[in-house]
PDBML (XML) file of the C-alpha atoms, coordinates in Angstrom:
<?xml version="1.0" encoding="UTF-8" ?>
<PDBx:datablock datablockName="MODEL"
   xmlns:PDBx="http://pdbml.pdb.org/schema/pdbx-v50.xsd"
   xmlns:xsi="http://www.w3.org/2001/XMLSchema-instance"
   xsi:schemaLocation="http://pdbml.pdb.org/schema/pdbx-v50.xsd pdbx-v50.xsd">
   <PDBx:atom_siteCategory>
      <PDBx:atom_site id="1">
         <PDBx:B_iso_or_equiv>0.00</PDBx:B_iso_or_equiv>
         <PDBx:Cartn_x>0.000</PDBx:Cartn_x>
         <PDBx:Cartn_y>0.000</PDBx:Cartn_y>
         <PDBx:Cartn_z>0.000</PDBx:Cartn_z>
         <PDBx:auth_asym_id>A</PDBx:auth_asym_id>
         <PDBx:auth_atom_id>CA</PDBx:auth_atom_id>
         <PDBx:auth_comp_id>UNK</PDBx:auth_comp_id>
         <PDBx:auth_seq_id>1</PDBx:auth_seq_id>
         <PDBx:group_PDB>ATOM</PDBx:group_PDB>
         <PDBx:label_alt_id xsi:nil="true" />
         <PDBx:label_asym_id>A</PDBx:label_asym_id>
         <PDBx:label_atom_id>CA</PDBx:label_atom_id>
         <PDBx:label_comp_id>UNK</PDBx:label_comp_id>
         <PDBx:label_entity_id>1</PDBx:label_entity_id>
         <PDBx:label_seq_id>1</PDBx:label_seq_id>
         <PDBx:occupancy>1.00</PDBx:occupancy>
         <PDBx:pdbx_PDB_model_num>1</PDBx:pdbx_PDB_model_num>
         <PDBx:type_symbol>C</PDBx:type_symbol>
      </PDBx:atom_site>
      <PDBx:atom_site id="2">
         <PDBx:B_iso_or_equiv>0.00</PDBx:B_iso_or_equiv>
         <PDBx:Cartn_x>2.745</PDBx:Cartn_x>
         <PDBx:Cartn_y>2.468</PDBx:Cartn_y>
         <PDBx:Cartn_z>0.932</PDBx:Cartn_z>
         <PDBx:auth_asym_id>A</PDBx:auth_asym_id>
         <PDBx:auth_atom_id>CA</PDBx:auth_atom_id>
         <PDBx:auth_comp_id>UNK</PDBx:auth_comp_id>
         <PDBx:auth_seq_id>2</PDBx:auth_seq_id>
         <PDBx:group_PDB>ATOM</PDBx:group_PDB>
         <PDBx:label_alt_id xsi:nil="true" />
         <PDBx:label_asym_id>A</PDBx:label_asym_id>
         <PDBx:label_atom_id>CA</PDBx:label_atom_id>
         <PDBx:label_comp_id>UNK</PDBx:label_comp_id>
         <PDBx:label_entity_id>1</PDBx:label_entity_id>
         <PDBx:label_seq_id>2</PDBx:label_seq_id>
         <PDBx:occupancy>1.00</PDBx:occupancy>
         <PDBx:pdbx_PDB_model_num>1</PDBx:pdbx_PDB_model_num>
         <PDBx:type_symbol>C</PDBx:type_symbol>
      </PDBx:atom_site>
      <PDBx:atom_site id="3">
         <PDBx:B_iso_or_equiv>0.00</PDBx:B_iso_or_equiv>
         <PDBx:Cartn_x>4.610</PDBx:Cartn_x>
         <PDBx:Cartn_y>1.755</PDBx:Cartn_y>
         <PDBx:Cartn_z>-2.301</PDBx:Cartn_z>
         <PDBx:auth_asym_id>A</PDBx:auth_asym_id>
         <PDBx:auth_atom_id>CA</PDBx:auth_atom_id>
         <PDBx:auth_comp_id>UNK</PDBx:auth_comp_id>
         <PDBx:auth_seq_id>3</PDBx:auth_seq_id>
         <PDBx:group_PDB>ATOM</PDBx:group_PDB>
         <PDBx:label_alt_id xsi:nil="true" />
         <PDBx:label_asym_id>A</PDBx:label_asym_id>
         <PDBx:label_atom_id>CA</PDBx:label_atom_id>
         <PDBx:label_comp_id>UNK</PDBx:label_comp_id>
         <PDBx:label_entity_id>1</PDBx:label_entity_id>
         <PDBx:label_seq_id>3</PDBx:label_seq_id>
         <PDBx:occupancy>1.00</PDBx:occupancy>
         <PDBx:pdbx_PDB_model_num>1</PDBx:pdbx_PDB_model_num>
         <PDBx:type_symbol>C</PDBx:type_symbol>
      </PDBx:atom_site>
      <PDBx:atom_site id="4">
         <PDBx:B_iso_or_equiv>0.00</PDBx:B_iso_or_equiv>
         <PDBx:Cartn_x>1.437</PDBx:Cartn_x>
         <PDBx:Cartn_y>2.610</PDBx:Cartn_y>
         <PDBx:Cartn_z>-4.194</PDBx:Cartn_z>
         <PDBx:auth_asym_id>A</PDBx:auth_asym_id>
         <PDBx:auth_atom_id>CA</PDBx:auth_atom_id>
         <PDBx:auth_comp_id>UNK</PDBx:auth_comp_id>
         <PDBx:auth_seq_id>4</PDBx:auth_seq_id>
         <PDBx:group_PDB>ATOM</PDBx:group_PDB>
         <PDBx:label_alt_id xsi:nil="true" />
         <PDBx:label_asym_id>A</PDBx:label_asym_id>
         <PDBx:label_atom_id>CA</PDBx:label_atom_id>
         <PDBx:label_comp_id>UNK</PDBx:label_comp_id>
         <PDBx:label_entity_id>1</PDBx:label_entity_id>
         <PDBx:label_seq_id>4</PDBx:label_seq_id>
         <PDBx:occupancy>1.00</PDBx:occupancy>
         <PDBx:pdbx_PDB_model_num>1</PDBx:pdbx_PDB_model_num>
         <PDBx:type_symbol>C</PDBx:type_symbol>
      </PDBx:atom_site>
      <PDBx:atom_site id="5">
         <PDBx:B_iso_or_equiv>0.00</PDBx:B_iso_or_equiv>
         <PDBx:Cartn_x>1.078</PDBx:Cartn_x>
         <PDBx:Cartn_y>5.875</PDBx:Cartn_y>
         <PDBx:Cartn_z>-2.264</PDBx:Cartn_z>
         <PDBx:auth_asym_id>A</PDBx:auth_asym_id>
         <PDBx:auth_atom_id>CA</PDBx:auth_atom_id>
         <PDBx:auth_comp_id>UNK</PDBx:auth_comp_id>
         <PDBx:auth_seq_id>5</PDBx:auth_seq_id>
         <PDBx:group_PDB>ATOM</PDBx:group_PDB>
         <PDBx:label_alt_id xsi:nil="true" />
         <PDBx:label_asym_id>A</PDBx:label_asym_id>
         <PDBx:label_atom_id>CA</PDBx:label_atom_id>
         <PDBx:label_comp_id>UNK</PDBx:label_comp_id>
         <PDBx:label_entity_id>1</PDBx:label_entity_id>
         <PDBx:label_seq_id>5</PDBx:label_seq_id>
         <PDBx:occupancy>1.00</PDBx:occupancy>
         <PDBx:pdbx_PDB_model_num>1</PDBx:pdbx_PDB_model_num>
         <PDBx:type_symbol>C</PDBx:type_symbol>
      </PDBx:atom_site>
      <PDBx:atom_site id="6">
         <PDBx:B_iso_or_equiv>0.00</PDBx:B_iso_or_equiv>
         <PDBx:Cartn_x>4.711</PDBx:Cartn_x>
         <PDBx:Cartn_y>6.725</PDBx:Cartn_y>
         <PDBx:Cartn_z>-3.002</PDBx:Cartn_z>
         <PDBx:auth_asym_id>A</PDBx:auth_asym_id>
         <PDBx:auth_atom_id>CA</PDBx:auth_atom_id>
         <PDBx:auth_comp_id>UNK</PDBx:auth_comp_id>
         <PDBx:auth_seq_id>6</PDBx:auth_seq_id>
         <PDBx:group_PDB>ATOM</PDBx:group_PDB>
         <PDBx:label_alt_id xsi:nil="true" />
         <PDBx:label_asym_id>A</PDBx:label_asym_id>
         <PDBx:label_atom_id>CA</PDBx:label_atom_id>
         <PDBx:label_comp_id>UNK</PDBx:label_comp_id>
         <PDBx:label_entity_id>1</PDBx:label_entity_id>
         <PDBx:label_seq_id>6</PDBx:label_seq_id>
         <PDBx:occupancy>1.00</PDBx:occupancy>
         <PDBx:pdbx_PDB_model_num>1</PDBx:pdbx_PDB_model_num>
         <PDBx:type_symbol>C</PDBx:type_symbol>
      </PDBx:atom_site>
      <PDBx:atom_site id="7">
         <PDBx:B_iso_or_equiv>0.00</PDBx:B_iso_or_equiv>
         <PDBx:Cartn_x>5.872</PDBx:Cartn_x>
         <PDBx:Cartn_y>7.156</PDBx:Cartn_y>
         <PDBx:Cartn_z>0.576</PDBx:Cartn_z>
         <PDBx:auth_asym_id>A</PDBx:auth_asym_id>
         <PDBx:auth_atom_id>CA</PDBx:auth_atom_id>
         <PDBx:auth_comp_id>UNK</PDBx:auth_comp_id>
         <PDBx:auth_seq_id>7</PDBx:auth_seq_id>
         <PDBx:group_PDB>ATOM</PDBx:group_PDB>
         <PDBx:label_alt_id xsi:nil="true" />
         <PDBx:label_asym_id>A</PDBx:label_asym_id>
         <PDBx:label_atom_id>CA</PDBx:label_atom_id>
         <PDBx:label_comp_id>UNK</PDBx:label_comp_id>
         <PDBx:label_entity_id>1</PDBx:label_entity_id>
         <PDBx:label_seq_id>7</PDBx:label_seq_id>
         <PDBx:occupancy>1.00</PDBx:occupancy>
         <PDBx:pdbx_PDB_model_num>1</PDBx:pdbx_PDB_model_num>
         <PDBx:type_symbol>C</PDBx:type_symbol>
      </PDBx:atom_site>
      <PDBx:atom_site id="8">
         <PDBx:B_iso_or_equiv>0.00</PDBx:B_iso_or_equiv>
         <PDBx:Cartn_x>7.181</PDBx:Cartn_x>
         <PDBx:Cartn_y>3.846</PDBx:Cartn_y>
         <PDBx:Cartn_z>1.883</PDBx:Cartn_z>
         <PDBx:auth_asym_id>A</PDBx:auth_asym_id>
         <PDBx:auth_atom_id>CA</PDBx:auth_atom_id>
         <PDBx:auth_comp_id>UNK</PDBx:auth_comp_id>
         <PDBx:auth_seq_id>8</PDBx:auth_seq_id>
         <PDBx:group_PDB>ATOM</PDBx:group_PDB>
         <PDBx:label_alt_id xsi:nil="true" />
         <PDBx:label_asym_id>A</PDBx:label_asym_id>
         <PDBx:label_atom_id>CA</PDBx:label_atom_id>
         <PDBx:label_comp_id>UNK</PDBx:label_comp_id>
         <PDBx:label_entity_id>1</PDBx:label_entity_id>
         <PDBx:label_seq_id>8</PDBx:label_seq_id>
         <PDBx:occupancy>1.00</PDBx:occupancy>
         <PDBx:pdbx_PDB_model_num>1</PDBx:pdbx_PDB_model_num>
         <PDBx:type_symbol>C</PDBx:type_symbol>
      </PDBx:atom_site>
      <PDBx:atom_site id="9">
         <PDBx:B_iso_or_equiv>0.00</PDBx:B_iso_or_equiv>
         <PDBx:Cartn_x>10.079</PDBx:Cartn_x>
         <PDBx:Cartn_y>4.800</PDBx:Cartn_y>
         <PDBx:Cartn_z>4.144</PDBx:Cartn_z>
         <PDBx:auth_asym_id>A</PDBx:auth_asym_id>
         <PDBx:auth_atom_id>CA</PDBx:auth_atom_id>
         <PDBx:auth_comp_id>UNK</PDBx:auth_comp_id>
         <PDBx:auth_seq_id>9</PDBx:auth_seq_id>
         <PDBx:group_PDB>ATOM</PDBx:group_PDB>
         <PDBx:label_alt_id xsi:nil="true" />
         <PDBx:label_asym_id>A</PDBx:label_asym_id>
         <PDBx:label_atom_id>CA</PDBx:label_atom_id>
         <PDBx:label_comp_id>UNK</PDBx:label_comp_id>
         <PDBx:label_entity_id>1</PDBx:label_entity_id>
         <PDBx:label_seq_id>9</PDBx:label_seq_id>
         <PDBx:occupancy>1.00</PDBx:occupancy>
         <PDBx:pdbx_PDB_model_num>1</PDBx:pdbx_PDB_model_num>
         <PDBx:type_symbol>C</PDBx:type_symbol>
      </PDBx:atom_site>
      <PDBx:atom_site id="10">
         <PDBx:B_iso_or_equiv>0.00</PDBx:B_iso_or_equiv>
         <PDBx:Cartn_x>13.347</PDBx:Cartn_x>
         <PDBx:Cartn_y>2.998</PDBx:Cartn_y>
         <PDBx:Cartn_z>3.381</PDBx:Cartn_z>
         <PDBx:auth_asym_id>A</PDBx:auth_asym_id>
         <PDBx:auth_atom_id>CA</PDBx:auth_atom_id>
         <PDBx:auth_comp_id>UNK</PDBx:auth_comp_id>
         <PDBx:auth_seq_id>10</PDBx:auth_seq_id>
         <PDBx:group_PDB>ATOM</PDBx:group_PDB>
         <PDBx:label_alt_id xsi:nil="true" />
         <PDBx:label_asym_id>A</PDBx:label_asym_id>
         <PDBx:label_atom_id>CA</PDBx:label_atom_id>
         <PDBx:label_comp_id>UNK</PDBx:label_comp_id>
         <PDBx:label_entity_id>1</PDBx:label_entity_id>
         <PDBx:label_seq_id>10</PDBx:label_seq_id>
         <PDBx:occupancy>1.00</PDBx:occupancy>
         <PDBx:pdbx_PDB_model_num>1</PDBx:pdbx_PDB_model_num>
         <PDBx:type_symbol>C</PDBx:type_symbol>
      </PDBx:atom_site>
      <PDBx:atom_site id="11">
         <PDBx:B_iso_or_equiv>0.00</PDBx:B_iso_or_equiv>
         <PDBx:Cartn_x>15.864</PDBx:Cartn_x>
         <PDBx:Cartn_y>5.765</PDBx:Cartn_y>
         <PDBx:Cartn_z>4.104</PDBx:Cartn_z>
         <PDBx:auth_asym_id>A</PDBx:auth_asym_id>
         <PDBx:auth_atom_id>CA</PDBx:auth_atom_id>
         <PDBx:auth_comp_id>UNK</PDBx:auth_comp_id>
         <PDBx:auth_seq_id>11</PDBx:auth_seq_id>
         <PDBx:group_PDB>ATOM</PDBx:group_PDB>
         <PDBx:label_alt_id xsi:nil="true" />
         <PDBx:label_asym_id>A</PDBx:label_asym_id>
         <PDBx:label_atom_id>CA</PDBx:label_atom_id>
         <PDBx:label_comp_id>UNK</PDBx:label_comp_id>
         <PDBx:label_entity_id>1</PDBx:label_entity_id>
         <PDBx:label_seq_id>11</PDBx:label_seq_id>
         <PDBx:occupancy>1.00</PDBx:occupancy>
         <PDBx:pdbx_PDB_model_num>1</PDBx:pdbx_PDB_model_num>
         <PDBx:type_symbol>C</PDBx:type_symbol>
      </PDBx:atom_site>
      <PDBx:atom_site id="12">
         <PDBx:B_iso_or_equiv>0.00</PDBx:B_iso_or_equiv>
         <PDBx:Cartn_x>15.200</PDBx:Cartn_x>
         <PDBx:Cartn_y>7.284</PDBx:Cartn_y>
         <PDBx:Cartn_z>7.524</PDBx:Cartn_z>
         <PDBx:auth_asym_id>A</PDBx:auth_asym_id>
         <PDBx:auth_atom_id>CA</PDBx:auth_atom_id>
         <PDBx:auth_comp_id>UNK</PDBx:auth_comp_id>
         <PDBx:auth_seq_id>12</PDBx:auth_seq_id>
         <PDBx:group_PDB>ATOM</PDBx:group_PDB>
         <PDBx:label_alt_id xsi:nil="true" />
         <PDBx:label_asym_id>A</PDBx:label_asym_id>
         <PDBx:label_atom_id>CA</PDBx:label_atom_id>
         <PDBx:label_comp_id>UNK</PDBx:label_comp_id>
         <PDBx:label_entity_id>1</PDBx:label_entity_id>
         <PDBx:label_seq_id>12</PDBx:label_seq_id>
         <PDBx:occupancy>1.00</PDBx:occupancy>
         <PDBx:pdbx_PDB_model_num>1</PDBx:pdbx_PDB_model_num>
         <PDBx:type_symbol>C</PDBx:type_symbol>
      </PDBx:atom_site>
      <PDBx:atom_site id="13">
         <PDBx:B_iso_or_equiv>0.00</PDBx:B_iso_or_equiv>
         <PDBx:Cartn_x>16.808</PDBx:Cartn_x>
         <PDBx:Cartn_y>6.430</PDBx:Cartn_y>
         <PDBx:Cartn_z>10.852</PDBx:Cartn_z>
         <PDBx:auth_asym_id>A</PDBx:auth_asym_id>
         <PDBx:auth_atom_id>CA</PDBx:auth_atom_id>
         <PDBx:auth_comp_id>UNK</PDBx:auth_comp_id>
         <PDBx:auth_seq_id>13</PDBx:auth_seq_id>
         <PDBx:group_PDB>ATOM</PDBx:group_PDB>
         <PDBx:label_alt_id xsi:nil="true" />
         <PDBx:label_asym_id>A</PDBx:label_asym_id>
         <PDBx:label_atom_id>CA</PDBx:label_atom_id>
         <PDBx:label_comp_id>UNK</PDBx:label_comp_id>
         <PDBx:label_entity_id>1</PDBx:label_entity_id>
         <PDBx:label_seq_id>13</PDBx:label_seq_id>
         <PDBx:occupancy>1.00</PDBx:occupancy>
         <PDBx:pdbx_PDB_model_num>1</PDBx:pdbx_PDB_model_num>
         <PDBx:type_symbol>C</PDBx:type_symbol>
      </PDBx:atom_site>
      <PDBx:atom_site id="14">
         <PDBx:B_iso_or_equiv>0.00</PDBx:B_iso_or_equiv>
         <PDBx:Cartn_x>13.663</PDBx:Cartn_x>
         <PDBx:Cartn_y>4.560</PDBx:Cartn_y>
         <PDBx:Cartn_z>11.861</PDBx:Cartn_z>
         <PDBx:auth_asym_id>A</PDBx:auth_asym_id>
         <PDBx:auth_atom_id>CA</PDBx:auth_atom_id>
         <PDBx:auth_comp_id>UNK</PDBx:auth_comp_id>
         <PDBx:auth_seq_id>14</PDBx:auth_seq_id>
         <PDBx:group_PDB>ATOM</PDBx:group_PDB>
         <PDBx:label_alt_id xsi:nil="true" />
         <PDBx:label_asym_id>A</PDBx:label_asym_id>
         <PDBx:label_atom_id>CA</PDBx:label_atom_id>
         <PDBx:label_comp_id>UNK</PDBx:label_comp_id>
         <PDBx:label_entity_id>1</PDBx:label_entity_id>
         <PDBx:label_seq_id>14</PDBx:label_seq_id>
         <PDBx:occupancy>1.00</PDBx:occupancy>
         <PDBx:pdbx_PDB_model_num>1</PDBx:pdbx_PDB_model_num>
         <PDBx:type_symbol>C</PDBx:type_symbol>
      </PDBx:atom_site>
      <PDBx:atom_site id="15">
         <PDBx:B_iso_or_equiv>0.00</PDBx:B_iso_or_equiv>
         <PDBx:Cartn_x>13.711</PDBx:Cartn_x>
         <PDBx:Cartn_y>2.521</PDBx:Cartn_y>
         <PDBx:Cartn_z>8.658</PDBx:Cartn_z>
         <PDBx:auth_asym_id>A</PDBx:auth_asym_id>
         <PDBx:auth_atom_id>CA</PDBx:auth_atom_id>
         <PDBx:auth_comp_id>UNK</PDBx:auth_comp_id>
         <PDBx:auth_seq_id>15</PDBx:auth_seq_id>
         <PDBx:group_PDB>ATOM</PDBx:group_PDB>
         <PDBx:label_alt_id xsi:nil="true" />
         <PDBx:label_asym_id>A</PDBx:label_asym_id>
         <PDBx:label_atom_id>CA</PDBx:label_atom_id>
         <PDBx:label_comp_id>UNK</PDBx:label_comp_id>
         <PDBx:label_entity_id>1</PDBx:label_entity_id>
         <PDBx:label_seq_id>15</PDBx:label_seq_id>
         <PDBx:occupancy>1.00</PDBx:occupancy>
         <PDBx:pdbx_PDB_model_num>1</PDBx:pdbx_PDB_model_num>
         <PDBx:type_symbol>C</PDBx:type_symbol>
      </PDBx:atom_site>
      <PDBx:atom_site id="16">
         <PDBx:B_iso_or_equiv>0.00</PDBx:B_iso_or_equiv>
         <PDBx:Cartn_x>17.265</PDBx:Cartn_x>
         <PDBx:Cartn_y>1.354</PDBx:Cartn_y>
         <PDBx:Cartn_z>9.327</PDBx:Cartn_z>
         <PDBx:auth_asym_id>A</PDBx:auth_asym_id>
         <PDBx:auth_atom_id>CA</PDBx:auth_atom_id>
         <PDBx:auth_comp_id>UNK</PDBx:auth_comp_id>
         <PDBx:auth_seq_id>16</PDBx:auth_seq_id>
         <PDBx:group_PDB>ATOM</PDBx:group_PDB>
         <PDBx:label_alt_id xsi:nil="true" />
         <PDBx:label_asym_id>A</PDBx:label_asym_id>
         <PDBx:label_atom_id>CA</PDBx:label_atom_id>
         <PDBx:label_comp_id>UNK</PDBx:label_comp_id>
         <PDBx:label_entity_id>1</PDBx:label_entity_id>
         <PDBx:label_seq_id>16</PDBx:label_seq_id>
         <PDBx:occupancy>1.00</PDBx:occupancy>
         <PDBx:pdbx_PDB_model_num>1</PDBx:pdbx_PDB_model_num>
         <PDBx:type_symbol>C</PDBx:type_symbol>
      </PDBx:atom_site>
      <PDBx:atom_site id="17">
         <PDBx:B_iso_or_equiv>0.00</PDBx:B_iso_or_equiv>
         <PDBx:Cartn_x>17.433</PDBx:Cartn_x>
         <PDBx:Cartn_y>0.733</PDBx:Cartn_y>
         <PDBx:Cartn_z>13.066</PDBx:Cartn_z>
         <PDBx:auth_asym_id>A</PDBx:auth_asym_id>
         <PDBx:auth_atom_id>CA</PDBx:auth_atom_id>
         <PDBx:auth_comp_id>UNK</PDBx:auth_comp_id>
         <PDBx:auth_seq_id>17</PDBx:auth_seq_id>
         <PDBx:group_PDB>ATOM</PDBx:group_PDB>
         <PDBx:label_alt_id xsi:nil="true" />
         <PDBx:label_asym_id>A</PDBx:label_asym_id>
         <PDBx:label_atom_id>CA</PDBx:label_atom_id>
         <PDBx:label_comp_id>UNK</PDBx:label_comp_id>
         <PDBx:label_entity_id>1</PDBx:label_entity_id>
         <PDBx:label_seq_id>17</PDBx:label_seq_id>
         <PDBx:occupancy>1.00</PDBx:occupancy>
         <PDBx:pdbx_PDB_model_num>1</PDBx:pdbx_PDB_model_num>
         <PDBx:type_symbol>C</PDBx:type_symbol>
      </PDBx:atom_site>
      <PDBx:atom_site id="18">
         <PDBx:B_iso_or_equiv>0.00</PDBx:B_iso_or_equiv>
         <PDBx:Cartn_x>15.534</PDBx:Cartn_x>
         <PDBx:Cartn_y>-1.399</PDBx:Cartn_y>
         <PDBx:Cartn_z>15.540</PDBx:Cartn_z>
         <PDBx:auth_asym_id>A</PDBx:auth_asym_id>
         <PDBx:auth_atom_id>CA</PDBx:auth_atom_id>
         <PDBx:auth_comp_id>UNK</PDBx:auth_comp_id>
         <PDBx:auth_seq_id>18</PDBx:auth_seq_id>
         <PDBx:group_PDB>ATOM</PDBx:group_PDB>
         <PDBx:label_alt_id xsi:nil="true" />
         <PDBx:label_asym_id>A</PDBx:label_asym_id>
         <PDBx:label_atom_id>CA</PDBx:label_atom_id>
         <PDBx:label_comp_id>UNK</PDBx:label_comp_id>
         <PDBx:label_entity_id>1</PDBx:label_entity_id>
         <PDBx:label_seq_id>18</PDBx:label_seq_id>
         <PDBx:occupancy>1.00</PDBx:occupancy>
         <PDBx:pdbx_PDB_model_num>1</PDBx:pdbx_PDB_model_num>
         <PDBx:type_symbol>C</PDBx:type_symbol>
      </PDBx:atom_site>
      <PDBx:atom_site id="19">
         <PDBx:B_iso_or_equiv>0.00</PDBx:B_iso_or_equiv>
         <PDBx:Cartn_x>15.533</PDBx:Cartn_x>
         <PDBx:Cartn_y>1.619</PDBx:Cartn_y>
         <PDBx:Cartn_z>17.865</PDBx:Cartn_z>
         <PDBx:auth_asym_id>A</PDBx:auth_asym_id>
         <PDBx:auth_atom_id>CA</PDBx:auth_atom_id>
         <PDBx:auth_comp_id>UNK</PDBx:auth_comp_id>
         <PDBx:auth_seq_id>19</PDBx:auth_seq_id>
         <PDBx:group_PDB>ATOM</PDBx:group_PDB>
         <PDBx:label_alt_id xsi:nil="true" />
         <PDBx:label_asym_id>A</PDBx:label_asym_id>
         <PDBx:label_atom_id>CA</PDBx:label_atom_id>
         <PDBx:label_comp_id>UNK</PDBx:label_comp_id>
         <PDBx:label_entity_id>1</PDBx:label_entity_id>
         <PDBx:label_seq_id>19</PDBx:label_seq_id>
         <PDBx:occupancy>1.00</PDBx:occupancy>
         <PDBx:pdbx_PDB_model_num>1</PDBx:pdbx_PDB_model_num>
         <PDBx:type_symbol>C</PDBx:type_symbol>
      </PDBx:atom_site>
      <PDBx:atom_site id="20">
         <PDBx:B_iso_or_equiv>0.00</PDBx:B_iso_or_equiv>
         <PDBx:Cartn_x>16.594</PDBx:Cartn_x>
         <PDBx:Cartn_y>5.207</PDBx:Cartn_y>
         <PDBx:Cartn_z>17.273</PDBx:Cartn_z>
         <PDBx:auth_asym_id>A</PDBx:auth_asym_id>
         <PDBx:auth_atom_id>CA</PDBx:auth_atom_id>
         <PDBx:auth_comp_id>UNK</PDBx:auth_comp_id>
         <PDBx:auth_seq_id>20</PDBx:auth_seq_id>
         <PDBx:group_PDB>ATOM</PDBx:group_PDB>
         <PDBx:label_alt_id xsi:nil="true" />
         <PDBx:label_asym_id>A</PDBx:label_asym_id>
         <PDBx:label_atom_id>CA</PDBx:label_atom_id>
         <PDBx:label_comp_id>UNK</PDBx:label_comp_id>
         <PDBx:label_entity_id>1</PDBx:label_entity_id>
         <PDBx:label_seq_id>20</PDBx:label_seq_id>
         <PDBx:occupancy>1.00</PDBx:occupancy>
         <PDBx:pdbx_PDB_model_num>1</PDBx:pdbx_PDB_model_num>
         <PDBx:type_symbol>C</PDBx:type_symbol>
      </PDBx:atom_site>
      <PDBx:atom_site id="21">
         <PDBx:B_iso_or_equiv>0.00</PDBx:B_iso_or_equiv>
         <PDBx:Cartn_x>17.182</PDBx:Cartn_x>
         <PDBx:Cartn_y>8.230</PDBx:Cartn_y>
         <PDBx:Cartn_z>19.485</PDBx:Cartn_z>
         <PDBx:auth_asym_id>A</PDBx:auth_asym_id>
         <PDBx:auth_atom_id>CA</PDBx:auth_atom_id>
         <PDBx:auth_comp_id>UNK</PDBx:auth_comp_id>
         <PDBx:auth_seq_id>21</PDBx:auth_seq_id>
         <PDBx:group_PDB>ATOM</PDBx:group_PDB>
         <PDBx:label_alt_id xsi:nil="true" />
         <PDBx:label_asym_id>A</PDBx:label_asym_id>
         <PDBx:label_atom_id>CA</PDBx:label_atom_id>
         <PDBx:label_comp_id>UNK</PDBx:label_comp_id>
         <PDBx:label_entity_id>1</PDBx:label_entity_id>
         <PDBx:label_seq_id>21</PDBx:label_seq_id>
         <PDBx:occupancy>1.00</PDBx:occupancy>
         <PDBx:pdbx_PDB_model_num>1</PDBx:pdbx_PDB_model_num>
         <PDBx:type_symbol>C</PDBx:type_symbol>
      </PDBx:atom_site>
      <PDBx:atom_site id="22">
         <PDBx:B_iso_or_equiv>0.00</PDBx:B_iso_or_equiv>
         <PDBx:Cartn_x>15.700</PDBx:Cartn_x>
         <PDBx:Cartn_y>10.353</PDBx:Cartn_y>
         <PDBx:Cartn_z>16.681</PDBx:Cartn_z>
         <PDBx:auth_asym_id>A</PDBx:auth_asym_id>
         <PDBx:auth_atom_id>CA</PDBx:auth_atom_id>
         <PDBx:auth_comp_id>UNK</PDBx:auth_comp_id>
         <PDBx:auth_seq_id>22</PDBx:auth_seq_id>
         <PDBx:group_PDB>ATOM</PDBx:group_PDB>
         <PDBx:label_alt_id xsi:nil="true" />
         <PDBx:label_asym_id>A</PDBx:label_asym_id>
         <PDBx:label_atom_id>CA</PDBx:label_atom_id>
         <PDBx:label_comp_id>UNK</PDBx:label_comp_id>
         <PDBx:label_entity_id>1</PDBx:label_entity_id>
         <PDBx:label_seq_id>22</PDBx:label_seq_id>
         <PDBx:occupancy>1.00</PDBx:occupancy>
         <PDBx:pdbx_PDB_model_num>1</PDBx:pdbx_PDB_model_num>
         <PDBx:type_symbol>C</PDBx:type_symbol>
      </PDBx:atom_site>
      <PDBx:atom_site id="23">
         <PDBx:B_iso_or_equiv>0.00</PDBx:B_iso_or_equiv>
         <PDBx:Cartn_x>13.754</PDBx:Cartn_x>
         <PDBx:Cartn_y>12.532</PDBx:Cartn_y>
         <PDBx:Cartn_z>17.218</PDBx:Cartn_z>
         <PDBx:auth_asym_id>A</PDBx:auth_asym_id>
         <PDBx:auth_atom_id>CA</PDBx:auth_atom_id>
         <PDBx:auth_comp_id>UNK</PDBx:auth_comp_id>
         <PDBx:auth_seq_id>23</PDBx:auth_seq_id>
         <PDBx:group_PDB>ATOM</PDBx:group_PDB>
         <PDBx:label_alt_id xsi:nil="true" />
         <PDBx:label_asym_id>A</PDBx:label_asym_id>
         <PDBx:label_atom_id>CA</PDBx:label_atom_id>
         <PDBx:label_comp_id>UNK</PDBx:label_comp_id>
         <PDBx:label_entity_id>1</PDBx:label_entity_id>
         <PDBx:label_seq_id>23</PDBx:label_seq_id>
         <PDBx:occupancy>1.00</PDBx:occupancy>
         <PDBx:pdbx_PDB_model_num>1</PDBx:pdbx_PDB_model_num>
         <PDBx:type_symbol>C</PDBx:type_symbol>
      </PDBx:atom_site>
      <PDBx:atom_site id="24">
         <PDBx:B_iso_or_equiv>0.00</PDBx:B_iso_or_equiv>
         <PDBx:Cartn_x>12.913</PDBx:Cartn_x>
         <PDBx:Cartn_y>12.268</PDBx:Cartn_y>
         <PDBx:Cartn_z>20.943</PDBx:Cartn_z>
         <PDBx:auth_asym_id>A</PDBx:auth_asym_id>
         <PDBx:auth_atom_id>CA</PDBx:auth_atom_id>
         <PDBx:auth_comp_id>UNK</PDBx:auth_comp_id>
         <PDBx:auth_seq_id>24</PDBx:auth_seq_id>
         <PDBx:group_PDB>ATOM</PDBx:group_PDB>
         <PDBx:label_alt_id xsi:nil="true" />
         <PDBx:label_asym_id>A</PDBx:label_asym_id>
         <PDBx:label_atom_id>CA</PDBx:label_atom_id>
         <PDBx:label_comp_id>UNK</PDBx:label_comp_id>
         <PDBx:label_entity_id>1</PDBx:label_entity_id>
         <PDBx:label_seq_id>24</PDBx:label_seq_id>
         <PDBx:occupancy>1.00</PDBx:occupancy>
         <PDBx:pdbx_PDB_model_num>1</PDBx:pdbx_PDB_model_num>
         <PDBx:type_symbol>C</PDBx:type_symbol>
      </PDBx:atom_site>
      <PDBx:atom_site id="25">
         <PDBx:B_iso_or_equiv>0.00</PDBx:B_iso_or_equiv>
         <PDBx:Cartn_x>16.026</PDBx:Cartn_x>
         <PDBx:Cartn_y>10.720</PDBx:Cartn_y>
         <PDBx:Cartn_z>22.524</PDBx:Cartn_z>
         <PDBx:auth_asym_id>A</PDBx:auth_asym_id>
         <PDBx:auth_atom_id>CA</PDBx:auth_atom_id>
         <PDBx:auth_comp_id>UNK</PDBx:auth_comp_id>
         <PDBx:auth_seq_id>25</PDBx:auth_seq_id>
         <PDBx:group_PDB>ATOM</PDBx:group_PDB>
         <PDBx:label_alt_id xsi:nil="true" />
         <PDBx:label_asym_id>A</PDBx:label_asym_id>
         <PDBx:label_atom_id>CA</PDBx:label_atom_id>
         <PDBx:label_comp_id>UNK</PDBx:label_comp_id>
         <PDBx:label_entity_id>1</PDBx:label_entity_id>
         <PDBx:label_seq_id>25</PDBx:label_seq_id>
         <PDBx:occupancy>1.00</PDBx:occupancy>
         <PDBx:pdbx_PDB_model_num>1</PDBx:pdbx_PDB_model_num>
         <PDBx:type_symbol>C</PDBx:type_symbol>
      </PDBx:atom_site>
   </PDBx:atom_siteCategory>
</PDBx:datablock>
């Protein structure tokens, strides 16, 4: 579905880590 909408996230910190301090630490 998100591919079809054009906004599936593959690049952000959240898309490349199990947990991330971005943006709330």
